[in-house]
Amino acid sequence: MQAKDLTKEYPRSPLEEVGGFVWLGRLIDKVRAKHAGTLGEYTAYPCGSDKRFLSTFGIETDALEKFIVSGASDQEISDWCRQHAQHQPEEGTASLRSALLAPVPAEIRDRFEQVKADLAAHRPDLDLAGADSFTWLILLEEGHPIPAGVK
């Protein structure tokens, strides 16, 4: 599969599902871009939310990366995840989505506020007033839809 050039376009929304797995599409885009040399300023796999995805579903980090870079399609990757996951998407997607949208915990609040301030300085057109999670900042910065019911 062709890697996205993340210096020119955004990865998929953190909340977009691939094969029932939330976050998987974004993870795939970043892994492919990393190996194509087009990751840009994105944090390389596995970032904190990638780790949360892997932990939620019980998927091994290196094995998933190796399968993604084998040239597998999104469908093949989601099928592979179903075969190798300790927890299926039906068991983990709702809780992962909730965790991704939950306010950042106190222990990383200072870091979050700095990232939010940097984004506000870089993108004064964005209304960041109610944003309280890294996922929400991603959705706003990249122009992805904000789910109904989220502030």
Protein backbone atom coordinates (compact mmCIF):
# COMPACT_ATOMS: atom_id res chain seq x y z
CA MET A 1 0.00 0.00 0.00
CA GLN A 2 1.11 3.55 -0.72
CA ALA A 3 2.15 5.55 2.33
CA LYS A 4 0.61 8.97 2.94
CA ASP A 5 3.02 11.85 2.88
CA LEU A 6 2.36 13.26 6.33
CA THR A 7 4.40 16.35 5.48
CA LYS A 8 1.56 17.28 3.08
CA GLU A 9 -1.60 15.61 4.42
CA TYR A 10 -3.01 14.43 7.73
CA PRO A 11 -3.31 10.85 8.89
CA ARG A 12 -6.81 9.52 9.43
CA SER A 13 -8.91 10.70 12.34
CA PRO A 14 -8.03 9.12 15.68
CA LEU A 15 -11.67 8.03 15.94
CA GLU A 16 -12.02 6.50 12.47
CA GLU A 17 -12.46 2.74 12.68
CA VAL A 18 -10.75 0.20 10.46
CA GLY A 19 -12.28 -3.24 10.78
CA GLY A 20 -14.00 -2.13 13.98
CA PHE A 21 -10.77 -0.94 15.62
CA VAL A 22 -10.72 2.73 16.61
CA TRP A 23 -7.29 4.42 16.14
CA LEU A 24 -6.03 1.67 13.81
CA GLY A 25 -6.28 3.74 10.61
CA ARG A 26 -4.20 6.54 12.09
CA LEU A 27 -1.65 4.05 13.41
CA ILE A 28 -1.39 2.42 9.95
CA ASP A 29 -0.91 5.80 8.25
CA LYS A 30 1.88 6.74 10.65
CA VAL A 31 3.70 3.39 10.40
CA ARG A 32 3.60 3.46 6.59
CA ALA A 33 4.79 7.08 6.54
CA LYS A 34 7.60 6.32 9.00
CA HIS A 35 8.93 3.58 6.74
CA ALA A 36 8.50 5.71 3.60
CA GLY A 37 10.38 8.62 5.19
CA THR A 38 7.29 10.87 5.03
CA LEU A 39 6.34 11.01 8.72
CA GLY A 40 7.14 14.70 9.02
CA GLU A 41 6.68 16.12 12.53
CA TYR A 42 4.45 13.30 13.80
CA THR A 43 5.64 11.20 16.71
CA ALA A 44 6.88 7.87 15.40
CA TYR A 45 5.14 4.59 16.19
CA PRO A 46 4.52 3.72 18.93
CA CYS A 47 3.38 7.05 20.39
CA GLY A 48 1.43 7.18 23.63
CA SER A 49 -1.96 6.61 22.01
CA ASP A 50 -0.53 3.82 19.83
CA LYS A 51 0.61 2.16 23.06
CA ARG A 52 -2.88 2.61 24.52
CA PHE A 53 -4.34 0.95 21.40
CA LEU A 54 -1.87 -1.95 21.61
CA SER A 55 -2.52 -2.41 25.32
CA THR A 56 -6.30 -2.21 24.98
CA PHE A 57 -6.39 -4.98 22.40
CA GLY A 58 -3.35 -6.97 23.55
CA ILE A 59 -1.44 -6.68 20.29
CA GLU A 60 2.36 -6.98 20.12
CA THR A 61 4.05 -3.76 18.97
CA ASP A 62 6.82 -5.09 16.73
CA ALA A 63 4.71 -7.80 15.13
CA LEU A 64 2.02 -5.32 14.09
CA GLU A 65 4.57 -2.90 12.64
CA LYS A 66 6.24 -5.71 10.70
CA PHE A 67 2.89 -6.80 9.25
CA ILE A 68 1.91 -3.26 8.27
CA VAL A 69 5.16 -2.67 6.38
CA SER A 70 4.81 -6.02 4.58
CA GLY A 71 2.50 -4.21 2.15
CA ALA A 72 -0.73 -5.49 3.66
CA SER A 73 -3.98 -3.65 2.91
CA ASP A 74 -6.08 -2.04 5.63
CA GLN A 75 -8.46 -4.99 5.50
CA GLU A 76 -5.61 -7.50 5.83
CA ILE A 77 -4.21 -5.51 8.76
CA SER A 78 -7.54 -5.41 10.58
CA ASP A 79 -7.99 -9.16 9.94
CA TRP A 80 -4.46 -9.75 11.30
CA CYS A 81 -5.32 -7.68 14.38
CA ARG A 82 -8.46 -9.76 14.98
CA GLN A 83 -6.39 -12.96 14.74
CA HIS A 84 -3.62 -11.74 17.06
CA ALA A 85 -5.52 -9.56 19.53
CA GLN A 86 -6.23 -10.76 23.03
CA HIS A 87 -9.37 -8.59 22.99
CA GLN A 88 -11.62 -8.08 19.97
CA PRO A 89 -12.84 -4.64 18.84
CA GLU A 90 -16.29 -5.39 20.20
CA GLU A 91 -14.68 -5.63 23.63
CA GLY A 92 -12.32 -2.66 23.47
CA THR A 93 -13.34 -0.02 20.96
CA ALA A 94 -15.90 1.77 23.14
CA SER A 95 -13.54 1.94 26.12
CA LEU A 96 -10.62 3.09 23.96
CA ARG A 97 -12.77 5.79 22.33
CA SER A 98 -13.80 6.99 25.80
CA ALA A 99 -10.20 6.99 27.00
CA LEU A 100 -9.03 8.92 23.93
CA LEU A 101 -11.65 11.62 24.55
CA ALA A 102 -11.29 11.74 28.35
CA PRO A 103 -9.62 14.76 29.94
CA VAL A 104 -5.88 14.30 30.34
CA PRO A 105 -4.87 13.03 33.78
CA ALA A 106 -3.33 15.41 36.30
CA GLU A 107 0.18 13.95 35.93
CA ILE A 108 0.43 15.14 32.31
CA ARG A 109 -1.79 18.24 32.56
CA ASP A 110 1.19 20.65 32.44
CA ARG A 111 2.51 19.03 29.26
CA PHE A 112 -0.97 19.11 27.72
CA GLU A 113 -1.42 22.79 28.55
CA GLN A 114 1.94 23.58 26.91
CA VAL A 115 0.98 21.68 23.75
CA LYS A 116 -2.39 23.45 23.74
CA ALA A 117 -0.70 26.88 24.15
CA ASP A 118 1.75 26.09 21.34
CA LEU A 119 -1.13 25.06 19.09
CA ALA A 120 -3.08 28.23 19.96
CA ALA A 121 -0.04 30.33 19.03
CA HIS A 122 0.45 28.44 15.77
CA ARG A 123 -3.26 28.24 14.87
CA PRO A 124 -5.10 31.25 16.35
CA ASP A 125 -8.08 30.37 14.11
CA LEU A 126 -8.91 27.35 16.29
CA ASP A 127 -11.26 27.53 19.27
CA LEU A 128 -9.37 25.45 21.84
CA ALA A 129 -11.27 26.73 24.88
CA GLY A 130 -13.00 23.45 25.73
CA ALA A 131 -10.33 21.05 24.49
CA ASP A 132 -9.18 18.85 27.34
CA SER A 133 -7.59 15.84 25.61
CA PHE A 134 -4.81 15.33 23.10
CA THR A 135 -7.32 13.60 20.81
CA TRP A 136 -9.54 16.67 20.84
CA LEU A 137 -6.54 18.84 19.89
CA ILE A 138 -5.78 16.47 17.00
CA LEU A 139 -9.38 16.58 15.79
CA LEU A 140 -9.41 20.38 15.84
CA GLU A 141 -5.97 20.93 14.33
CA GLU A 142 -6.47 18.45 11.50
CA GLY A 143 -10.10 19.38 10.79
CA HIS A 144 -11.62 16.01 11.62
CA PRO A 145 -15.28 15.93 12.73
CA ILE A 146 -15.95 16.34 16.43
CA PRO A 147 -18.26 13.54 17.61
CA ALA A 148 -21.71 14.48 18.83
CA GLY A 149 -21.88 14.80 22.58
CA VAL A 150 -18.28 15.98 22.92
CA LYS A 151 -18.21 19.47 24.38
